[in-house]
Amino acid sequence: MRIALKYIKKIVFVVIIAAFIFIAKEARNYVFSVDGYSCNFDNIISCDHKNKIFNFINLSKELKICSLESISQKIQEKFCVIKNIELSHAANGILNLNIYSNKPKFILNDRYVLSENKIIFEKSIFSKNFLNDCKPVTLNSDEITNEIEDSFRQMIFSFPEQYFQEYELIRESRAKSYLLDKTNKNFSILFNDFVVPDDRLLAYCSYIKNELQARGEFNRKVKKNWFADIRFEDQIVVVSK
């Protein structure tokens, strides 16, 4: 009987210690009182957008009653351009936030930006220095939203960056896009979201362009636009208009 009682006491002691540790972990996020915020941003987003984020953080009553672990989540839900937030707190009650943003990758119709997390934003959100490295894309639509097809996002991110040095990308629909040759505006490669040109196909198209050039097709008085259509299986169809 004494042995059983001894084991029961040990079990109760272990349970109490475990409960104390659990409660301490859950409570530690609430012990720290937030008296103010210090936000450090990277240089990816514009000053105006940094101010919007800081004002939201500084004026939000909801954040003051959140655990530290949920503060980052709530800020990122409000501003999805944010990639990551590192939190630390000082003894004076100031919560330090190091805020990192998703990089812009493509400029759409010179008005919008498709970022590395595949979300479309207003161009004004990003700093001009980072926009200079973005690749331009023309879409056959004035209204560009995040409702755009996933096939477009997959297509555009599958393009090697060097393609944009030689071609301009113009997208009419998921079934028809053009790579317009920068050195010869009368030659384009026609493709779609599901058949994207690779190095092999581009080499074939370059050969076709050179053959047309050698025949003098681009120097005629009545100029025609030539298209190398790669949307067909195992063949390239060359047409002129």
Foldseek 3Di string as FASTA:
>chain_A
DVVVVVVVVVVVVVVVVVVVVVVCVVCVQVVQQAPEEAEAEDQWWDPVLVVVLRCCVGPDPVLRRDGPVCNFVVSCVVPVQWDDWDWDADPVRYIYIYTYGFAWAEQEPVFWTQTPVRAIDGPNGTDPVRVVNHQYEYEPDPDDHSVADPLVSVQVVVDDPVLSVQFYWYYDHQAWIWTQGPVQNLEIEIEGSVDHDDPVNVVVSVVVVVVCVVVVQCPDPDHWRWYFYPHDPPGTDIDID
